[in-house]
Amino acid sequence: RGSMADVLRRSLLQDKRAGEEREGTAGASADSDKSEQPKRTRPRHDASPRSCGLASPETAGHGSSKCTGSCVQVMRHLRLPAQRIASSAPRVGKRAQDEEGILMPQIGFGTYKLREARQAVILALTLGYRQIETAFIYSAEKTEPEVGYALAAARASGLAREEVFVTTKHWRKYHGFEPSIKCLELSLKRLQLEYVDLWLMHWPGPAYTTMNRRKDVLTEHGPWHYAAFSEAEMPAVRAETWRAMEEALAMGKVRAIGVSNFSIRHLEALRRTARVWPPAVNQIELHPWFQQRELVAYCQEQGIRVQAYASLGGQDASKAS
């Protein structure tokens, strides 16, 4: 308990102690562990960590009367398209549907491959980030609970739920209507939230029937050999997943719905059956070496916000030639 600065101090102290304990055994770590996570560096502080008591996202920012100067300048916002849908199901809480669309911070803090997501998210919130991005599957389903603990700690220290934009992603193992609803309920439980601000369909493709996929078998039978659904079935399966996302939107369990890793072909197929269009966001790999100009132009034409991941130049820098 206490202020965000107090929470951060305790977290950094725990991190320091853990680092000291590992110093003697650092050379014994496996090569696979080294490639899994880039070397972490701690931010330098001229003074003790300070909490940025930001006011509302639209009016506050670096240099405001409540800012101590320690936050990063990440408070610019983008407005997502308004998404409205009627449903007979009861809504969560007392919030009305977001008639004019919602504001999403322009820069977010992603949690992919983070080993200590709880401390990292606390640090990010303390430094001024107000969008936290995670996913059902990250770190073998271990990241969402860690993000949930960090968000709970932030709320306990005085940061209002409404000040943090939370994104999570549906996992393809749960494609279909009922499985998708179950996936969201599990995410909300892990995140310790009544609703998320943005829920994305992580992948347009199917889950696999086994993780032991042999290259020789794939060469002989094709890339869909181990898929839980056939290529011909997937448009209808995605449509059912999207229908569940529309229902979650109507119930107030999410404020906006979108997709991730969708091509123009996937989006066009989805548009033919969607009641809610356009998706608020298409989150894709996007950086100077992978610009996807045709897809970006299509999204802009349809009113879909493009959100970049791996925006500094690739998903895994250790594999760069």
Protein backbone atom coordinates (compact mmCIF):
# COMPACT_ATOMS: atom_id res chain seq x y z
CA ARG A 1 0.00 0.00 0.00
CA GLY A 2 1.03 3.64 -0.11
CA SER A 3 1.84 5.94 -3.02
CA MET A 4 2.94 4.76 -6.44
CA ALA A 5 6.44 5.93 -5.54
CA ASP A 6 6.43 3.71 -2.44
CA VAL A 7 5.26 0.74 -4.47
CA LEU A 8 7.99 1.41 -7.03
CA ARG A 9 10.70 1.71 -4.37
CA ARG A 10 9.75 -1.67 -2.92
CA SER A 11 9.65 -3.24 -6.36
CA LEU A 12 13.06 -1.88 -7.35
CA LEU A 13 14.51 -3.01 -4.02
CA GLN A 14 13.20 -6.55 -4.61
CA ASP A 15 14.62 -6.45 -8.11
CA LYS A 16 18.02 -5.36 -6.79
CA ARG A 17 18.10 -8.13 -4.20
CA ALA A 18 17.11 -10.73 -6.80
CA GLY A 19 19.88 -9.46 -9.07
CA GLU A 20 22.46 -9.73 -6.30
CA GLU A 21 21.38 -13.31 -5.63
CA ARG A 22 21.79 -14.18 -9.32
CA GLU A 23 25.24 -12.62 -9.75
CA GLY A 24 27.07 -15.75 -8.69
CA THR A 25 25.10 -18.01 -11.01
CA ALA A 26 24.62 -15.81 -14.06
CA GLY A 27 27.14 -17.80 -16.09
CA ALA A 28 25.15 -20.98 -15.60
CA SER A 29 22.00 -19.82 -17.42
CA ALA A 30 21.06 -21.67 -20.59
CA ASP A 31 21.58 -20.11 -24.01
CA SER A 32 17.85 -20.44 -24.67
CA ASP A 33 17.13 -18.27 -21.65
CA LYS A 34 19.44 -15.58 -22.97
CA SER A 35 17.73 -15.48 -26.35
CA GLU A 36 14.27 -15.46 -24.80
CA GLN A 37 14.60 -12.08 -23.12
CA PRO A 38 16.80 -9.10 -24.02
CA LYS A 39 19.12 -7.83 -21.32
CA ARG A 40 17.15 -5.61 -18.94
CA THR A 41 18.43 -2.19 -17.98
CA ARG A 42 17.10 -0.08 -15.14
CA PRO A 43 16.28 3.58 -15.76
CA ARG A 44 18.63 6.09 -14.18
CA HIS A 45 17.15 8.41 -11.58
CA ASP A 46 18.78 11.60 -10.39
CA ALA A 47 16.62 11.47 -7.29
CA SER A 48 14.30 9.01 -5.61
CA PRO A 49 11.42 7.72 -7.78
CA ARG A 50 8.52 10.14 -7.90
CA SER A 51 4.90 9.48 -8.68
CA CYS A 52 3.25 11.48 -11.44
CA GLY A 53 -0.23 12.34 -10.18
CA LEU A 54 -1.68 13.00 -13.61
CA ALA A 55 -5.14 14.50 -13.91
CA SER A 56 -7.57 13.49 -16.67
CA PRO A 57 -5.86 12.16 -19.81
CA GLU A 58 -7.31 14.89 -22.01
CA THR A 59 -6.12 17.82 -19.90
CA ALA A 60 -3.02 16.68 -18.05
CA GLY A 61 0.46 15.87 -19.22
CA HIS A 62 4.10 16.51 -18.67
CA GLY A 63 4.55 19.88 -17.06
CA SER A 64 1.02 20.10 -15.66
CA SER A 65 0.44 21.41 -12.16
CA LYS A 66 0.25 17.86 -10.80
CA CYS A 67 3.30 16.53 -12.63
CA THR A 68 6.59 16.26 -10.72
CA GLY A 69 8.59 16.06 -13.94
CA SER A 70 9.47 12.37 -13.69
CA CYS A 71 6.87 11.10 -16.17
CA VAL A 72 7.47 10.35 -19.81
CA GLN A 73 5.60 12.35 -22.40
CA VAL A 74 3.18 9.67 -23.56
CA MET A 75 -0.17 11.34 -22.94
CA ARG A 76 -1.20 12.17 -26.51
CA HIS A 77 -4.39 10.34 -27.44
CA LEU A 78 -6.09 8.94 -30.53
CA ARG A 79 -9.87 8.63 -30.79
CA LEU A 80 -11.07 5.17 -31.73
CA PRO A 81 -14.19 4.86 -33.91
CA ALA A 82 -17.49 4.70 -32.06
CA GLN A 83 -18.83 1.15 -31.78
CA ARG A 84 -22.46 0.75 -30.73
CA ILE A 85 -24.59 -2.36 -30.57
CA ALA A 86 -27.89 -3.25 -28.91
CA SER A 87 -28.31 -6.31 -26.70
CA SER A 88 -30.83 -7.66 -24.22
CA ALA A 89 -28.00 -8.81 -21.95
CA PRO A 90 -27.40 -6.71 -18.81
CA ARG A 91 -24.50 -4.29 -18.98
CA VAL A 92 -21.55 -4.35 -16.60
CA GLY A 93 -21.59 -1.52 -14.08
CA LYS A 94 -23.31 1.81 -14.80
CA ARG A 95 -21.27 3.03 -17.76
CA ALA A 96 -23.16 3.96 -20.90
CA GLN A 97 -21.83 2.90 -24.28
CA ASP A 98 -19.11 5.18 -25.60
CA GLU A 99 -21.20 7.07 -28.15
CA GLU A 100 -18.39 9.20 -29.57
CA GLY A 101 -15.66 6.59 -29.52
CA ILE A 102 -13.00 6.35 -26.84
CA LEU A 103 -9.60 7.93 -26.36
CA MET A 104 -6.60 5.62 -26.50
CA PRO A 105 -3.14 6.82 -25.42
CA GLN A 106 -0.97 7.09 -28.50
CA ILE A 107 1.92 5.19 -26.91
CA GLY A 108 1.41 2.03 -24.89
CA PHE A 109 3.52 -0.24 -22.73
CA GLY A 110 3.59 -3.80 -24.11
CA THR A 111 4.21 -6.86 -21.94
CA TYR A 112 5.22 -9.47 -24.53
CA LYS A 113 8.04 -11.72 -23.25
CA LEU A 114 8.38 -9.85 -19.96
CA ARG A 115 9.58 -12.16 -17.20
CA GLU A 116 8.77 -9.76 -14.37
CA ALA A 117 5.66 -8.11 -15.74
CA ARG A 118 4.32 -7.00 -12.36
CA GLN A 119 7.30 -4.80 -11.55
CA ALA A 120 7.64 -3.60 -15.13
CA VAL A 121 4.01 -2.46 -15.30
CA ILE A 122 4.26 -0.69 -11.92
CA LEU A 123 7.36 1.11 -13.18
CA ALA A 124 5.66 2.04 -16.46
CA LEU A 125 2.61 3.45 -14.67
CA THR A 126 4.82 5.40 -12.28
CA LEU A 127 6.73 6.94 -15.19
CA GLY A 128 3.52 8.09 -16.85
CA TYR A 129 2.36 5.36 -19.23
CA ARG A 130 -1.41 5.10 -19.31
CA GLN A 131 -1.91 2.30 -21.85
CA ILE A 132 -0.96 -1.23 -20.80
CA GLU A 133 -1.09 -3.96 -23.46
CA THR A 134 -1.11 -7.68 -22.69
CA ALA A 135 -2.62 -10.90 -24.08
CA PHE A 136 -4.22 -14.12 -22.87
CA ILE A 137 -1.31 -16.25 -24.14
CA TYR A 138 1.71 -14.13 -23.19
CA SER A 139 4.40 -16.10 -21.32
CA ALA A 140 2.33 -19.29 -21.37
CA GLU A 141 -0.64 -17.48 -19.79
CA LYS A 142 1.44 -16.10 -16.88
CA THR A 143 1.57 -12.43 -17.88
CA GLU A 144 -2.09 -11.45 -17.51
CA PRO A 145 -2.18 -12.33 -13.77
CA GLU A 146 1.03 -10.34 -13.20
CA VAL A 147 -0.45 -7.34 -15.00
CA GLY A 148 -3.56 -7.76 -12.86
CA TYR A 149 -1.53 -7.59 -9.65
CA ALA A 150 0.24 -4.45 -10.91
CA LEU A 151 -3.04 -2.75 -11.82
CA ALA A 152 -4.52 -3.65 -8.42
CA ALA A 153 -1.47 -2.19 -6.68
CA ALA A 154 -1.80 1.01 -8.73
CA ARG A 155 -5.49 1.34 -7.82
CA ALA A 156 -4.68 0.75 -4.15
CA SER A 157 -2.17 3.60 -4.31
CA GLY A 158 -4.74 6.01 -5.72
CA LEU A 159 -4.59 5.65 -9.51
CA ALA A 160 -8.19 5.48 -10.75
CA ARG A 161 -9.20 2.61 -13.03
CA GLU A 162 -10.46 5.11 -15.60
CA GLU A 163 -7.00 6.62 -15.98
CA VAL A 164 -5.44 3.40 -17.35
CA PHE A 165 -6.30 2.08 -20.81
CA VAL A 166 -6.00 -1.72 -20.70
CA THR A 167 -5.74 -3.86 -23.83
CA THR A 168 -5.77 -7.64 -23.89
CA LYS A 169 -6.10 -10.20 -26.67
CA HIS A 170 -8.26 -13.25 -27.30
CA TRP A 171 -6.34 -16.47 -27.97
CA ARG A 172 -7.05 -18.62 -31.01
CA LYS A 173 -7.54 -21.77 -28.94
CA TYR A 174 -10.87 -20.15 -27.97
CA HIS A 175 -12.19 -19.40 -31.47
CA GLY A 176 -16.00 -19.61 -31.69
CA PHE A 177 -18.80 -17.90 -29.77
CA GLU A 178 -18.98 -19.70 -26.41
CA PRO A 179 -15.22 -20.37 -26.15
CA SER A 180 -14.51 -16.68 -26.83
CA ILE A 181 -16.84 -15.57 -24.03
CA LYS A 182 -15.00 -17.98 -21.71
CA CYS A 183 -11.65 -16.58 -22.86
CA LEU A 184 -12.71 -13.03 -21.96
CA GLU A 185 -14.05 -14.09 -18.56
CA LEU A 186 -10.70 -15.73 -17.77
CA SER A 187 -8.82 -12.60 -18.87
CA LEU A 188 -11.00 -10.34 -16.72
CA LYS A 189 -10.48 -12.59 -13.70
CA ARG A 190 -6.71 -12.61 -14.18
CA LEU A 191 -6.59 -8.85 -14.70
CA GLN A 192 -8.86 -8.24 -11.66
CA LEU A 193 -11.06 -5.99 -13.79
CA GLU A 194 -14.76 -5.65 -14.58
CA TYR A 195 -13.97 -4.58 -18.13
CA VAL A 196 -11.08 -3.96 -20.49
CA ASP A 197 -10.82 -0.92 -22.71
CA LEU A 198 -9.80 -2.80 -25.86
CA TRP A 199 -10.17 -6.51 -26.68
CA LEU A 200 -8.42 -7.78 -29.80
CA MET A 201 -8.70 -11.03 -31.74
CA HIS A 202 -5.03 -12.01 -31.53
CA TRP A 203 -4.73 -14.11 -34.71
CA PRO A 204 -7.04 -14.80 -37.65
CA GLY A 205 -5.76 -18.37 -37.91
CA PRO A 206 -6.75 -21.50 -35.98
CA ALA A 207 -5.20 -23.23 -33.01
CA TYR A 208 -3.13 -26.35 -33.63
CA THR A 209 -4.01 -29.86 -32.51
CA THR A 210 -0.42 -30.45 -31.31
CA MET A 211 2.69 -28.42 -30.57
CA ASN A 212 4.84 -31.20 -32.09
CA ARG A 213 4.44 -30.12 -35.70
CA ARG A 214 6.88 -31.93 -37.97
CA LYS A 215 8.26 -30.07 -40.96
CA ASP A 216 8.32 -33.17 -43.16
CA VAL A 217 4.62 -33.80 -42.46
CA LEU A 218 3.77 -30.16 -43.19
CA THR A 219 5.73 -30.36 -46.44
CA GLU A 220 3.79 -33.47 -47.46
CA HIS A 221 0.30 -32.46 -46.29
CA GLY A 222 0.38 -28.66 -46.28
CA PRO A 223 0.39 -25.92 -43.60
CA TRP A 224 -3.16 -26.68 -42.41
CA HIS A 225 -2.48 -30.32 -41.55
CA TYR A 226 -2.30 -29.72 -37.77
CA ALA A 227 -4.95 -26.98 -37.67
CA ALA A 228 -8.03 -27.36 -35.47
CA PHE A 229 -10.15 -25.99 -38.35
CA SER A 230 -9.73 -26.19 -42.10
CA GLU A 231 -8.89 -23.15 -44.21
CA ALA A 232 -12.41 -23.23 -45.65
CA GLU A 233 -13.96 -23.25 -42.16
CA MET A 234 -11.99 -20.34 -40.72
CA PRO A 235 -14.02 -17.38 -42.09
CA ALA A 236 -17.15 -18.73 -40.37
CA VAL A 237 -15.20 -19.52 -37.20
CA ARG A 238 -13.77 -15.99 -37.09
CA ALA A 239 -17.26 -14.61 -37.64
CA GLU A 240 -18.47 -16.48 -34.55
CA THR A 241 -15.53 -15.17 -32.53
CA TRP A 242 -16.34 -11.63 -33.67
CA ARG A 243 -20.00 -12.16 -32.75
CA ALA A 244 -18.88 -13.00 -29.20
CA MET A 245 -16.75 -9.85 -29.16
CA GLU A 246 -19.76 -7.82 -30.30
CA GLU A 247 -21.78 -9.33 -27.46
CA ALA A 248 -19.05 -8.45 -24.95
CA LEU A 249 -19.13 -4.89 -26.28
CA ALA A 250 -22.90 -4.71 -25.88
CA MET A 251 -22.64 -6.01 -22.30
CA GLY A 252 -20.00 -3.44 -21.36
CA LYS A 253 -17.30 -6.00 -20.62
CA VAL A 254 -15.13 -4.25 -23.22
CA ARG A 255 -15.20 -0.65 -24.41
CA ALA A 256 -13.88 -1.37 -27.91
CA ILE A 257 -13.12 -4.43 -30.03
CA GLY A 258 -10.54 -4.95 -32.72
CA VAL A 259 -8.22 -7.41 -34.39
CA SER A 260 -4.53 -8.19 -34.64
CA ASN A 261 -2.41 -9.60 -37.48
CA PHE A 262 -5.32 -9.35 -39.94
CA SER A 263 -4.63 -8.96 -43.64
CA ILE A 264 -6.94 -7.20 -46.09
CA ARG A 265 -8.38 -10.59 -47.06
CA HIS A 266 -9.20 -11.40 -43.42
CA LEU A 267 -10.78 -7.99 -42.88
CA GLU A 268 -12.89 -8.19 -46.04
CA ALA A 269 -14.22 -11.61 -45.03
CA LEU A 270 -15.06 -10.35 -41.54
CA ARG A 271 -16.83 -7.27 -42.88
CA ARG A 272 -19.37 -9.45 -44.73
CA THR A 273 -20.80 -10.81 -41.45
CA ALA A 274 -19.95 -8.15 -38.84
CA ARG A 275 -22.64 -6.14 -37.09
CA VAL A 276 -19.99 -3.83 -35.63
CA TRP A 277 -17.75 -2.29 -38.29
CA PRO A 278 -15.05 -1.11 -38.44
CA PRO A 279 -12.86 -2.84 -35.87
CA ALA A 280 -11.45 -0.12 -33.62
CA VAL A 281 -7.86 -1.31 -34.12
CA ASN A 282 -5.78 -3.64 -36.27
CA GLN A 283 -2.58 -4.31 -34.33
CA ILE A 284 0.15 -5.40 -36.74
CA GLU A 285 3.91 -5.62 -37.00
CA LEU A 286 4.90 -2.25 -38.44
CA HIS A 287 8.29 -0.58 -38.66
CA PRO A 288 10.64 0.93 -41.29
CA TRP A 289 11.70 -2.54 -42.50
CA PHE A 290 8.12 -3.84 -42.72
CA GLN A 291 5.83 -0.98 -43.69
CA GLN A 292 2.75 -2.88 -44.97
CA ARG A 293 1.65 0.19 -46.92
CA GLU A 294 -1.26 -1.45 -48.74
CA LEU A 295 -2.72 -2.80 -45.50
CA VAL A 296 -2.24 0.53 -43.71
CA ALA A 297 -3.96 2.37 -46.57
CA TYR A 298 -6.89 -0.06 -46.45
CA CYS A 299 -7.28 0.39 -42.70
CA GLN A 300 -7.20 4.17 -43.06
CA GLU A 301 -9.86 3.98 -45.77
CA GLN A 302 -12.08 1.82 -43.52
CA GLY A 303 -11.56 3.96 -40.42
CA ILE A 304 -9.53 1.28 -38.57
CA ARG A 305 -6.77 2.59 -36.31
CA VAL A 306 -3.45 0.87 -37.03
CA GLN A 307 -1.46 0.02 -33.91
CA ALA A 308 2.16 -0.98 -34.42
CA TYR A 309 3.98 -3.70 -32.52
CA ALA A 310 7.70 -4.38 -32.90
CA SER A 311 7.74 -0.73 -33.98
CA LEU A 312 11.49 -0.29 -33.39
CA GLY A 313 12.46 -2.75 -36.09
CA GLY A 314 11.41 -6.35 -35.56
CA GLN A 315 10.04 -8.88 -33.12
CA ASP A 316 13.38 -10.46 -32.17
CA ALA A 317 16.51 -8.38 -32.60
CA SER A 318 18.70 -11.39 -31.72
CA LYS A 319 17.69 -12.98 -35.06
CA ALA A 320 18.62 -9.94 -37.14
CA SER A 321 21.32 -10.59 -39.72
